[in-house]
Amino acid sequence: MRRIILAVAIAATGILGVAVAASTVVATPAAAAKHKAKPKPKKKKKAVAKLTGNFNSCSVVTQAEAASAIGASVTAGVLGNATVEGGLACVFYGPSAPTPTTPNAAQPDTVRVVVVKGSDALTWYNAFKSKVSAQPITGYGNQAYYDGYASLSVLKGDYYLRIAVSPADAPPSLSDEEHLATAILPKL
């Protein structure tokens, strides 16, 4: 008798297992769609500055390029107002830069890069050119000049690029600006 009860119990357990498994199976496509798991929301990709669309002056020059131009280590680029050129300046500070630093004004031991893009580029290029002793520079098209003191200005299409490299232990040198211009201009 015990064997019969044990056999019935085992059979009942098997039937119950099949019934449970069958209850989790969805019979129709409509029911399957209704019971479909909700997709997980996609994570947003981190925004990266690009040269097309909205970009700033720091998106065209790297910290390594700025360090190479000034001949010393520099901080990461900091955005500041570019009152002479319009737009925003990207400023890199060398180890002897004065404190406090301010990216809104020219300071010693800095690399300052400004890119103005669009219809205002020619206006700002000409405005600064009219205020300095502009010396034409060759090798950058027919619209490049040295300001006679510390910066190189280049007009390329609808971009105005102005570079000022001010080392701490030496006077400004056009060769520093030219070195950096050769790295930046292909990106514009």
N, C-alpha and C. Protein backbone atom coordinates (compact mmCIF):
# COMPACT_ATOMS: atom_id res chain seq x y z
N MET A 1 0.81 -1.18 0.00
CA MET A 1 0.00 0.00 0.00
C MET A 1 0.87 1.26 0.00
N ARG A 2 1.92 1.21 0.77
CA ARG A 2 2.80 2.35 0.81
C ARG A 2 3.38 2.64 -0.57
N ARG A 3 3.66 1.60 -1.30
CA ARG A 3 4.21 1.79 -2.64
C ARG A 3 3.20 2.47 -3.55
N ILE A 4 1.97 2.17 -3.41
CA ILE A 4 0.92 2.79 -4.24
C ILE A 4 0.79 4.26 -3.89
N ILE A 5 0.79 4.57 -2.60
CA ILE A 5 0.68 5.97 -2.16
C ILE A 5 1.91 6.75 -2.64
N LEU A 6 3.08 6.14 -2.54
CA LEU A 6 4.30 6.80 -2.99
C LEU A 6 4.25 7.02 -4.50
N ALA A 7 3.76 6.07 -5.26
CA ALA A 7 3.66 6.19 -6.72
C ALA A 7 2.67 7.28 -7.09
N VAL A 8 1.56 7.38 -6.36
CA VAL A 8 0.55 8.40 -6.63
C VAL A 8 1.13 9.77 -6.31
N ALA A 9 1.87 9.89 -5.23
CA ALA A 9 2.47 11.16 -4.83
C ALA A 9 3.49 11.63 -5.87
N ILE A 10 4.30 10.70 -6.36
CA ILE A 10 5.29 11.05 -7.38
C ILE A 10 4.61 11.48 -8.66
N ALA A 11 3.56 10.78 -9.05
CA ALA A 11 2.81 11.13 -10.26
C ALA A 11 2.16 12.49 -10.12
N ALA A 12 1.60 12.76 -8.95
CA ALA A 12 0.94 14.04 -8.71
C ALA A 12 1.96 15.18 -8.77
N THR A 13 3.14 14.95 -8.22
CA THR A 13 4.19 15.96 -8.25
C THR A 13 4.60 16.24 -9.68
N GLY A 14 4.71 15.24 -10.49
CA GLY A 14 5.07 15.39 -11.90
C GLY A 14 4.01 16.16 -12.66
N ILE A 15 2.73 15.82 -12.40
CA ILE A 15 1.62 16.52 -13.07
C ILE A 15 1.59 17.99 -12.64
N LEU A 16 1.81 18.23 -11.35
CA LEU A 16 1.81 19.59 -10.83
C LEU A 16 2.96 20.39 -11.48
N GLY A 17 4.12 19.78 -11.64
CA GLY A 17 5.26 20.44 -12.28
C GLY A 17 4.96 20.80 -13.72
N VAL A 18 4.30 19.91 -14.45
CA VAL A 18 3.92 20.18 -15.84
C VAL A 18 2.90 21.31 -15.88
N ALA A 19 1.96 21.30 -14.95
CA ALA A 19 0.93 22.35 -14.92
C ALA A 19 1.56 23.71 -14.64
N VAL A 20 2.51 23.77 -13.73
CA VAL A 20 3.17 25.04 -13.42
C VAL A 20 3.95 25.52 -14.64
N ALA A 21 4.68 24.62 -15.28
CA ALA A 21 5.46 24.98 -16.46
C ALA A 21 4.54 25.46 -17.57
N ALA A 22 3.41 24.81 -17.75
CA ALA A 22 2.47 25.17 -18.80
C ALA A 22 1.85 26.54 -18.52
N SER A 23 1.67 26.88 -17.26
CA SER A 23 1.04 28.16 -16.95
C SER A 23 1.97 29.33 -17.27
N THR A 24 3.27 29.10 -17.39
CA THR A 24 4.19 30.18 -17.72
C THR A 24 4.38 30.33 -19.22
N VAL A 25 3.90 29.43 -20.01
CA VAL A 25 4.00 29.51 -21.46
C VAL A 25 2.85 30.37 -21.97
N VAL A 26 3.15 31.33 -22.83
CA VAL A 26 2.12 32.21 -23.37
C VAL A 26 1.64 31.58 -24.67
N ALA A 27 0.33 31.49 -24.83
CA ALA A 27 -0.25 30.74 -25.93
C ALA A 27 -0.33 31.53 -27.24
N THR A 28 -0.55 32.84 -27.23
CA THR A 28 -0.76 33.58 -28.47
C THR A 28 0.28 34.69 -28.62
N PRO A 29 0.52 35.14 -29.87
CA PRO A 29 1.46 36.24 -30.06
C PRO A 29 1.02 37.52 -29.35
N ALA A 30 -0.29 37.80 -29.31
CA ALA A 30 -0.79 38.99 -28.62
C ALA A 30 -0.47 38.89 -27.13
N ALA A 31 -0.66 37.70 -26.57
CA ALA A 31 -0.36 37.51 -25.15
C ALA A 31 1.15 37.61 -24.92
N ALA A 32 1.94 37.14 -25.88
CA ALA A 32 3.39 37.21 -25.76
C ALA A 32 3.84 38.68 -25.74
N ALA A 33 3.26 39.50 -26.62
CA ALA A 33 3.61 40.91 -26.66
C ALA A 33 3.24 41.60 -25.35
N LYS A 34 2.10 41.18 -24.78
CA LYS A 34 1.62 41.77 -23.54
C LYS A 34 2.56 41.43 -22.39
N HIS A 35 3.14 40.24 -22.39
CA HIS A 35 3.99 39.79 -21.30
C HIS A 35 5.48 40.02 -21.57
N LYS A 36 5.80 40.66 -22.70
CA LYS A 36 7.19 40.89 -23.06
C LYS A 36 7.84 41.82 -22.03
N ALA A 37 9.07 41.53 -21.70
CA ALA A 37 9.80 42.35 -20.73
C ALA A 37 10.05 43.73 -21.33
N LYS A 38 9.96 44.77 -20.50
CA LYS A 38 10.20 46.13 -20.96
C LYS A 38 11.70 46.31 -21.18
N PRO A 39 12.07 46.99 -22.30
CA PRO A 39 13.50 47.21 -22.53
C PRO A 39 14.07 48.22 -21.53
N LYS A 40 15.34 48.03 -21.20
CA LYS A 40 16.01 48.94 -20.28
C LYS A 40 16.29 50.25 -21.01
N PRO A 41 16.15 51.38 -20.33
CA PRO A 41 16.45 52.65 -21.01
C PRO A 41 17.93 52.71 -21.38
N LYS A 42 18.20 53.29 -22.57
CA LYS A 42 19.58 53.41 -23.03
C LYS A 42 20.26 54.54 -22.28
N LYS A 43 21.55 54.35 -21.98
CA LYS A 43 22.32 55.39 -21.33
C LYS A 43 22.69 56.43 -22.38
N LYS A 44 22.65 57.70 -21.98
CA LYS A 44 23.03 58.76 -22.89
C LYS A 44 24.55 58.76 -23.04
N LYS A 45 25.00 58.99 -24.28
CA LYS A 45 26.43 59.08 -24.52
C LYS A 45 26.92 60.44 -24.05
N LYS A 46 28.13 60.45 -23.55
CA LYS A 46 28.74 61.69 -23.07
C LYS A 46 29.00 62.59 -24.27
N ALA A 47 28.67 63.87 -24.13
CA ALA A 47 28.87 64.82 -25.20
C ALA A 47 30.36 65.07 -25.41
N VAL A 48 30.76 65.13 -26.66
CA VAL A 48 32.15 65.37 -27.02
C VAL A 48 32.18 66.57 -27.96
N ALA A 49 33.06 67.50 -27.68
CA ALA A 49 33.17 68.67 -28.55
C ALA A 49 33.66 68.24 -29.92
N LYS A 50 33.02 68.74 -30.95
CA LYS A 50 33.39 68.42 -32.32
C LYS A 50 33.69 69.72 -33.05
N LEU A 51 34.42 69.62 -34.13
CA LEU A 51 34.74 70.81 -34.89
C LEU A 51 33.56 71.27 -35.74
N THR A 52 32.62 70.40 -35.98
CA THR A 52 31.44 70.82 -36.70
C THR A 52 30.37 71.16 -35.68
N GLY A 53 29.50 72.05 -36.04
CA GLY A 53 28.46 72.44 -35.09
C GLY A 53 29.05 73.36 -34.04
N ASN A 54 28.58 73.23 -32.82
CA ASN A 54 29.06 74.08 -31.73
C ASN A 54 30.38 73.56 -31.20
N PHE A 55 31.39 74.39 -31.26
CA PHE A 55 32.68 74.03 -30.68
C PHE A 55 33.23 75.27 -30.01
N ASN A 56 34.24 75.09 -29.20
CA ASN A 56 34.88 76.23 -28.57
C ASN A 56 36.37 76.17 -28.88
N SER A 57 37.08 77.20 -28.48
CA SER A 57 38.50 77.29 -28.81
C SER A 57 39.31 76.13 -28.24
N CYS A 58 38.88 75.55 -27.12
CA CYS A 58 39.61 74.42 -26.53
C CYS A 58 39.45 73.14 -27.34
N SER A 59 38.48 73.09 -28.23
CA SER A 59 38.28 71.86 -29.00
C SER A 59 39.25 71.74 -30.17
N VAL A 60 40.05 72.78 -30.45
CA VAL A 60 40.97 72.72 -31.58
C VAL A 60 42.43 72.62 -31.17
N VAL A 61 42.71 72.66 -29.88
CA VAL A 61 44.10 72.60 -29.43
C VAL A 61 44.18 71.68 -28.21
N THR A 62 45.21 70.85 -28.19
CA THR A 62 45.38 69.94 -27.06
C THR A 62 46.36 70.54 -26.06
N GLN A 63 46.33 70.00 -24.88
CA GLN A 63 47.26 70.42 -23.83
C GLN A 63 48.70 70.15 -24.26
N ALA A 64 48.92 69.02 -24.91
CA ALA A 64 50.27 68.67 -25.38
C ALA A 64 50.75 69.66 -26.45
N GLU A 65 49.86 70.08 -27.35
CA GLU A 65 50.24 71.05 -28.38
C GLU A 65 50.61 72.40 -27.75
N ALA A 66 49.83 72.82 -26.76
CA ALA A 66 50.11 74.09 -26.07
C ALA A 66 51.44 74.00 -25.33
N ALA A 67 51.69 72.88 -24.66
CA ALA A 67 52.95 72.69 -23.93
C ALA A 67 54.14 72.71 -24.88
N SER A 68 53.98 72.10 -26.03
CA SER A 68 55.06 72.08 -27.02
C SER A 68 55.36 73.49 -27.52
N ALA A 69 54.34 74.31 -27.69
CA ALA A 69 54.53 75.67 -28.19
C ALA A 69 55.27 76.56 -27.18
N ILE A 70 54.94 76.41 -25.91
CA ILE A 70 55.55 77.27 -24.89
C ILE A 70 56.84 76.68 -24.32
N GLY A 71 57.05 75.39 -24.56
CA GLY A 71 58.26 74.73 -24.09
C GLY A 71 58.26 74.38 -22.62
N ALA A 72 57.07 74.19 -22.05
CA ALA A 72 56.95 73.82 -20.63
C ALA A 72 55.61 73.13 -20.42
N SER A 73 55.44 72.50 -19.28
CA SER A 73 54.15 71.88 -18.98
C SER A 73 53.11 72.98 -18.78
N VAL A 74 51.88 72.67 -19.11
CA VAL A 74 50.78 73.62 -18.95
C VAL A 74 49.58 72.91 -18.34
N THR A 75 48.69 73.70 -17.78
CA THR A 75 47.44 73.16 -17.24
C THR A 75 46.53 72.79 -18.40
N ALA A 76 45.44 72.15 -18.07
CA ALA A 76 44.39 71.92 -19.08
C ALA A 76 43.84 73.28 -19.49
N GLY A 77 43.30 73.36 -20.68
CA GLY A 77 42.75 74.61 -21.18
C GLY A 77 41.55 75.09 -20.36
N VAL A 78 41.49 76.40 -20.15
CA VAL A 78 40.40 77.04 -19.41
C VAL A 78 39.76 78.06 -20.34
N LEU A 79 38.44 78.05 -20.44
CA LEU A 79 37.76 79.02 -21.29
C LEU A 79 37.59 80.36 -20.59
N GLY A 80 37.81 81.42 -21.35
CA GLY A 80 37.61 82.77 -20.85
C GLY A 80 37.13 83.66 -21.97
N ASN A 81 36.71 84.87 -21.64
CA ASN A 81 36.25 85.81 -22.66
C ASN A 81 37.41 86.30 -23.49
N ALA A 82 37.18 86.41 -24.77
CA ALA A 82 38.20 86.92 -25.69
C ALA A 82 37.75 88.30 -26.16
N THR A 83 38.05 89.30 -25.38
CA THR A 83 37.55 90.64 -25.68
C THR A 83 38.16 91.24 -26.94
N VAL A 84 39.39 90.87 -27.27
CA VAL A 84 40.04 91.40 -28.47
C VAL A 84 39.50 90.74 -29.73
N GLU A 85 39.21 89.44 -29.65
CA GLU A 85 38.83 88.67 -30.84
C GLU A 85 37.36 88.31 -30.89
N GLY A 86 36.62 88.52 -29.83
CA GLY A 86 35.24 88.05 -29.77
C GLY A 86 35.22 86.57 -29.44
N GLY A 87 34.15 86.08 -28.89
CA GLY A 87 34.04 84.67 -28.59
C GLY A 87 34.75 84.28 -27.31
N LEU A 88 35.28 83.05 -27.30
CA LEU A 88 35.93 82.51 -26.12
C LEU A 88 37.38 82.16 -26.40
N ALA A 89 38.23 82.41 -25.43
CA ALA A 89 39.64 82.05 -25.52
C ALA A 89 39.86 80.77 -24.73
N CYS A 90 40.78 79.96 -25.20
CA CYS A 90 41.22 78.79 -24.45
C CYS A 90 42.62 79.13 -23.94
N VAL A 91 42.77 79.13 -22.62
CA VAL A 91 44.03 79.57 -22.02
C VAL A 91 44.66 78.40 -21.26
N PHE A 92 45.95 78.18 -21.52
CA PHE A 92 46.75 77.17 -20.84
C PHE A 92 47.77 77.90 -20.00
N TYR A 93 47.92 77.52 -18.74
CA TYR A 93 48.84 78.18 -17.83
C TYR A 93 50.09 77.35 -17.59
N GLY A 94 51.25 78.01 -17.71
CA GLY A 94 52.52 77.37 -17.41
C GLY A 94 52.78 77.40 -15.92
N PRO A 95 53.86 76.75 -15.47
CA PRO A 95 54.15 76.66 -14.04
C PRO A 95 54.47 78.00 -13.37
N SER A 96 54.86 79.01 -14.14
CA SER A 96 55.19 80.32 -13.55
C SER A 96 54.10 81.37 -13.77
N ALA A 97 52.93 80.94 -14.18
CA ALA A 97 51.83 81.90 -14.38
C ALA A 97 51.47 82.55 -13.05
N PRO A 98 51.16 83.84 -13.07
CA PRO A 98 50.82 84.53 -11.82
C PRO A 98 49.51 84.00 -11.24
N THR A 99 49.37 84.13 -9.95
CA THR A 99 48.11 83.77 -9.31
C THR A 99 47.51 85.03 -8.70
N PRO A 100 46.25 85.20 -8.74
CA PRO A 100 45.29 84.27 -9.34
C PRO A 100 45.33 84.39 -10.87
N THR A 101 44.99 83.30 -11.52
CA THR A 101 44.91 83.31 -12.97
C THR A 101 43.54 83.81 -13.38
N THR A 102 43.49 84.44 -14.52
CA THR A 102 42.21 84.87 -15.07
C THR A 102 42.23 84.66 -16.58
N PRO A 103 41.38 83.81 -17.09
CA PRO A 103 41.37 83.55 -18.53
C PRO A 103 40.79 84.70 -19.35
N ASN A 104 40.29 85.73 -18.67
CA ASN A 104 39.68 86.84 -19.38
C ASN A 104 40.67 87.94 -19.76
N ALA A 105 41.93 87.79 -19.37
CA ALA A 105 42.95 88.79 -19.69
C ALA A 105 44.27 88.10 -20.02
N ALA A 106 45.07 88.74 -20.85
CA ALA A 106 46.39 88.20 -21.19
C ALA A 106 47.27 88.22 -19.94
N GLN A 107 48.01 87.13 -19.73
CA GLN A 107 48.92 87.02 -18.60
C GLN A 107 50.20 86.34 -19.06
N PRO A 108 51.32 86.56 -18.34
CA PRO A 108 52.56 85.87 -18.71
C PRO A 108 52.48 84.37 -18.42
N ASP A 109 53.34 83.64 -19.06
CA ASP A 109 53.45 82.18 -18.95
C ASP A 109 52.13 81.49 -19.30
N THR A 110 51.58 81.90 -20.44
CA THR A 110 50.32 81.32 -20.92
C THR A 110 50.38 81.07 -22.42
N VAL A 111 49.50 80.19 -22.84
CA VAL A 111 49.21 79.99 -24.26
C VAL A 111 47.73 80.31 -24.41
N ARG A 112 47.43 81.24 -25.30
CA ARG A 112 46.06 81.71 -25.49
C ARG A 112 45.66 81.46 -26.94
N VAL A 113 44.58 80.70 -27.13
CA VAL A 113 44.09 80.36 -28.47
C VAL A 113 42.64 80.79 -28.58
N VAL A 114 42.35 81.52 -29.65
CA VAL A 114 40.97 81.95 -29.90
C VAL A 114 40.60 81.59 -31.32
N VAL A 115 39.44 80.96 -31.47
CA VAL A 115 38.90 80.67 -32.78
C VAL A 115 37.51 81.30 -32.85
N VAL A 116 37.32 82.17 -33.82
CA VAL A 116 36.01 82.75 -34.09
C VAL A 116 35.54 82.14 -35.39
N LYS A 117 34.36 81.55 -35.38
CA LYS A 117 33.84 80.87 -36.56
C LYS A 117 32.59 81.59 -37.04
N GLY A 118 32.46 81.71 -38.35
CA GLY A 118 31.24 82.26 -38.93
C GLY A 118 31.42 83.65 -39.50
N SER A 119 30.29 84.33 -39.67
CA SER A 119 30.30 85.62 -40.34
C SER A 119 31.05 86.70 -39.57
N ASP A 120 31.23 86.56 -38.27
CA ASP A 120 31.96 87.55 -37.48
C ASP A 120 33.47 87.39 -37.58
N ALA A 121 33.95 86.30 -38.14
CA ALA A 121 35.40 86.04 -38.19
C ALA A 121 36.14 87.17 -38.91
N LEU A 122 35.69 87.56 -40.09
CA LEU A 122 36.36 88.60 -40.85
C LEU A 122 36.29 89.94 -40.11
N THR A 123 35.17 90.25 -39.49
CA THR A 123 35.02 91.49 -38.75
C THR A 123 36.04 91.59 -37.62
N TRP A 124 36.15 90.52 -36.80
CA TRP A 124 37.09 90.53 -35.67
C TRP A 124 38.54 90.53 -36.16
N TYR A 125 38.81 89.80 -37.22
CA TYR A 125 40.16 89.76 -37.80
C TYR A 125 40.58 91.18 -38.21
N ASN A 126 39.73 91.87 -38.96
CA ASN A 126 40.05 93.23 -39.42
C ASN A 126 40.09 94.23 -38.27
N ALA A 127 39.21 94.07 -37.29
CA ALA A 127 39.19 95.00 -36.15
C ALA A 127 40.51 94.95 -35.38
N PHE A 128 41.01 93.76 -35.10
CA PHE A 128 42.27 93.67 -34.37
C PHE A 128 43.42 94.15 -35.24
N LYS A 129 43.37 93.81 -36.52
CA LYS A 129 44.44 94.21 -37.45
C LYS A 129 44.57 95.73 -37.50
N SER A 130 43.46 96.44 -37.40
CA SER A 130 43.50 97.90 -37.46
C SER A 130 44.07 98.53 -36.19
N LYS A 131 44.19 97.78 -35.11
CA LYS A 131 44.67 98.31 -33.83
C LYS A 131 46.15 98.04 -33.56
N VAL A 132 46.77 97.23 -34.41
CA VAL A 132 48.17 96.84 -34.16
C VAL A 132 49.04 97.18 -35.36
N SER A 133 50.33 97.01 -35.20
CA SER A 133 51.28 97.17 -36.29
C SER A 133 51.37 95.84 -37.03
N ALA A 134 50.37 95.55 -37.82
CA ALA A 134 50.26 94.25 -38.47
C ALA A 134 51.38 94.03 -39.48
N GLN A 135 52.10 92.92 -39.31
CA GLN A 135 53.18 92.54 -40.21
C GLN A 135 52.73 91.29 -40.96
N PRO A 136 52.54 91.37 -42.29
CA PRO A 136 52.08 90.19 -43.05
C PRO A 136 53.02 89.00 -42.85
N ILE A 137 52.43 87.84 -42.72
CA ILE A 137 53.18 86.59 -42.53
C ILE A 137 52.83 85.66 -43.68
N THR A 138 53.82 85.05 -44.29
CA THR A 138 53.58 84.12 -45.39
C THR A 138 53.49 82.69 -44.86
N GLY A 139 52.92 81.84 -45.67
CA GLY A 139 52.83 80.42 -45.33
C GLY A 139 51.48 80.02 -44.76
N TYR A 140 50.58 80.98 -44.58
CA TYR A 140 49.26 80.69 -44.02
C TYR A 140 48.17 81.30 -44.90
N GLY A 141 48.39 81.34 -46.19
CA GLY A 141 47.46 82.00 -47.09
C GLY A 141 47.80 83.48 -47.12
N ASN A 142 46.95 84.27 -47.77
CA ASN A 142 47.27 85.69 -47.89
C ASN A 142 46.63 86.53 -46.78
N GLN A 143 46.09 85.88 -45.76
CA GLN A 143 45.44 86.62 -44.68
C GLN A 143 45.98 86.19 -43.32
N ALA A 144 47.25 86.47 -43.11
CA ALA A 144 47.88 86.18 -41.82
C ALA A 144 48.80 87.33 -41.47
N TYR A 145 48.85 87.68 -40.18
CA TYR A 145 49.74 88.74 -39.74
C TYR A 145 50.18 88.50 -38.31
N TYR A 146 51.36 89.06 -38.02
CA TYR A 146 51.91 89.09 -36.67
C TYR A 146 51.61 90.47 -36.13
N ASP A 147 51.19 90.56 -34.88
CA ASP A 147 50.79 91.87 -34.34
C ASP A 147 51.95 92.75 -33.93
N GLY A 148 53.18 92.28 -34.15
CA GLY A 148 54.35 93.08 -33.80
C GLY A 148 54.80 92.89 -32.37
N TYR A 149 54.05 92.11 -31.61
CA TYR A 149 54.42 91.92 -30.21
C TYR A 149 54.30 90.47 -29.76
N ALA A 150 53.07 89.91 -29.79
CA ALA A 150 52.92 88.60 -29.15
C ALA A 150 51.86 87.69 -29.75
N SER A 151 51.32 87.99 -30.91
CA SER A 151 50.29 87.07 -31.42
C SER A 151 50.30 86.97 -32.93
N LEU A 152 49.84 85.83 -33.39
CA LEU A 152 49.68 85.53 -34.80
C LEU A 152 48.19 85.41 -35.08
N SER A 153 47.72 86.11 -36.10
CA SER A 153 46.32 86.04 -36.51
C SER A 153 46.25 85.47 -37.91
N VAL A 154 45.33 84.53 -38.11
CA VAL A 154 45.17 83.90 -39.42
C VAL A 154 43.68 83.84 -39.72
N LEU A 155 43.32 84.20 -40.95
CA LEU A 155 41.95 84.06 -41.43
C LEU A 155 41.94 82.91 -42.42
N LYS A 156 41.16 81.89 -42.15
CA LYS A 156 41.06 80.73 -43.03
C LYS A 156 39.58 80.45 -43.25
N GLY A 157 39.10 80.75 -44.45
CA GLY A 157 37.67 80.57 -44.73
C GLY A 157 36.85 81.41 -43.78
N ASP A 158 35.92 80.77 -43.07
CA ASP A 158 35.11 81.52 -42.10
C ASP A 158 35.60 81.32 -40.66
N TYR A 159 36.91 81.08 -40.52
CA TYR A 159 37.54 80.95 -39.21
C TYR A 159 38.59 82.04 -39.03
N TYR A 160 38.60 82.66 -37.87
CA TYR A 160 39.66 83.58 -37.47
C TYR A 160 40.36 82.93 -36.29
N LEU A 161 41.64 82.65 -36.45
CA LEU A 161 42.46 82.03 -35.42
C LEU A 161 43.47 83.05 -34.93
N ARG A 162 43.53 83.24 -33.63
CA ARG A 162 44.55 84.11 -33.02
C ARG A 162 45.25 83.32 -31.94
N ILE A 163 46.58 83.30 -32.00
CA ILE A 163 47.40 82.55 -31.06
C ILE A 163 48.39 83.50 -30.40
N ALA A 164 48.46 83.45 -29.08
CA ALA A 164 49.45 84.22 -28.34
C ALA A 164 50.15 83.27 -27.37
N VAL A 165 51.46 83.14 -27.53
CA VAL A 165 52.27 82.31 -26.65
C VAL A 165 53.19 83.26 -25.87
N SER A 166 53.03 83.26 -24.55
CA SER A 166 53.81 84.18 -23.69
C SER A 166 54.60 83.38 -22.67
N PRO A 167 55.83 82.94 -23.02
CA PRO A 167 56.63 82.17 -22.06
C PRO A 167 57.07 83.04 -20.89
N ALA A 168 57.31 82.41 -19.76
CA ALA A 168 57.70 83.13 -18.55
C ALA A 168 59.13 83.64 -18.61
N ASP A 169 60.03 82.85 -19.20
CA ASP A 169 61.45 83.17 -19.12
C ASP A 169 62.04 83.73 -20.42
N ALA A 170 61.19 84.13 -21.35
CA ALA A 170 61.68 84.65 -22.62
C ALA A 170 60.63 85.59 -23.22
N PRO A 171 61.06 86.49 -24.09
CA PRO A 171 60.07 87.34 -24.74
C PRO A 171 59.23 86.53 -25.73
N PRO A 172 58.03 87.02 -26.04
CA PRO A 172 57.21 86.31 -27.02
C PRO A 172 57.97 86.16 -28.33
N SER A 173 57.71 85.06 -29.00
CA SER A 173 58.40 84.75 -30.25
C SER A 173 57.40 84.29 -31.29
N LEU A 174 57.47 84.86 -32.47
CA LEU A 174 56.56 84.46 -33.55
C LEU A 174 56.70 82.97 -33.86
N SER A 175 57.88 82.41 -33.69
CA SER A 175 58.07 80.99 -34.01
C SER A 175 57.21 80.09 -33.11
N ASP A 176 56.96 80.50 -31.86
CA ASP A 176 56.08 79.72 -30.97
C ASP A 176 54.65 79.69 -31.50
N GLU A 177 54.16 80.86 -31.93
CA GLU A 177 52.81 80.93 -32.48
C GLU A 177 52.70 80.14 -33.79
N GLU A 178 53.73 80.25 -34.63
CA GLU A 178 53.72 79.52 -35.90
C GLU A 178 53.72 78.01 -35.66
N HIS A 179 54.49 77.58 -34.68
CA HIS A 179 54.54 76.16 -34.32
C HIS A 179 53.13 75.66 -33.97
N LEU A 180 52.42 76.41 -33.17
CA LEU A 180 51.07 76.01 -32.76
C LEU A 180 50.09 76.14 -33.92
N ALA A 181 50.23 77.15 -34.75
CA ALA A 181 49.33 77.34 -35.89
C ALA A 181 49.39 76.14 -36.83
N THR A 182 50.57 75.57 -37.04
CA THR A 182 50.70 74.42 -37.94
C THR A 182 49.95 73.20 -37.39
N ALA A 183 49.78 73.13 -36.07
CA ALA A 183 49.02 72.02 -35.47
C ALA A 183 47.52 72.28 -35.53
N ILE A 184 47.11 73.53 -35.41
CA ILE A 184 45.68 73.86 -35.32
C ILE A 184 45.01 74.02 -36.68
N LEU A 185 45.66 74.71 -37.62
CA LEU A 185 45.02 75.06 -38.90
C LEU A 185 44.46 73.86 -39.67
N PRO A 186 45.11 72.71 -39.71
CA PRO A 186 44.51 71.58 -40.41
C PRO A 186 43.17 71.11 -39.80
N LYS A 187 42.91 71.47 -38.55
CA LYS A 187 41.67 71.07 -37.88
C LYS A 187 40.51 71.98 -38.25
N LEU A 188 40.80 73.13 -38.84
CA LEU A 188 39.74 74.09 -39.17
C LEU A 188 39.23 73.87 -40.58
